[in-house]
């Protein structure tokens, strides 16, 4: 498998702000997208995630991928 040279991370607290604005608790959103609450918290705090998970989060929050996440070159 080729090495990835990028990470998909939350834009400056965008996921957390969108979640709160939508009226979701972290537990509710995590359950809705099939993640643990600690994993969602990690993503909100800047840990990398997969495209699939980022799309699920964006869809649940009625946002685009670009509004919530950015791709960072890790080379």
Foldseek 3Di string as FASTA:
>chain_A
DDDDQKFKAWDPLQLVVLCVVQPHDLCRLCVQLVHHSVVSVVRSVTDGDDPSSLCSSCVVSVHDSVRTIDMGGRD
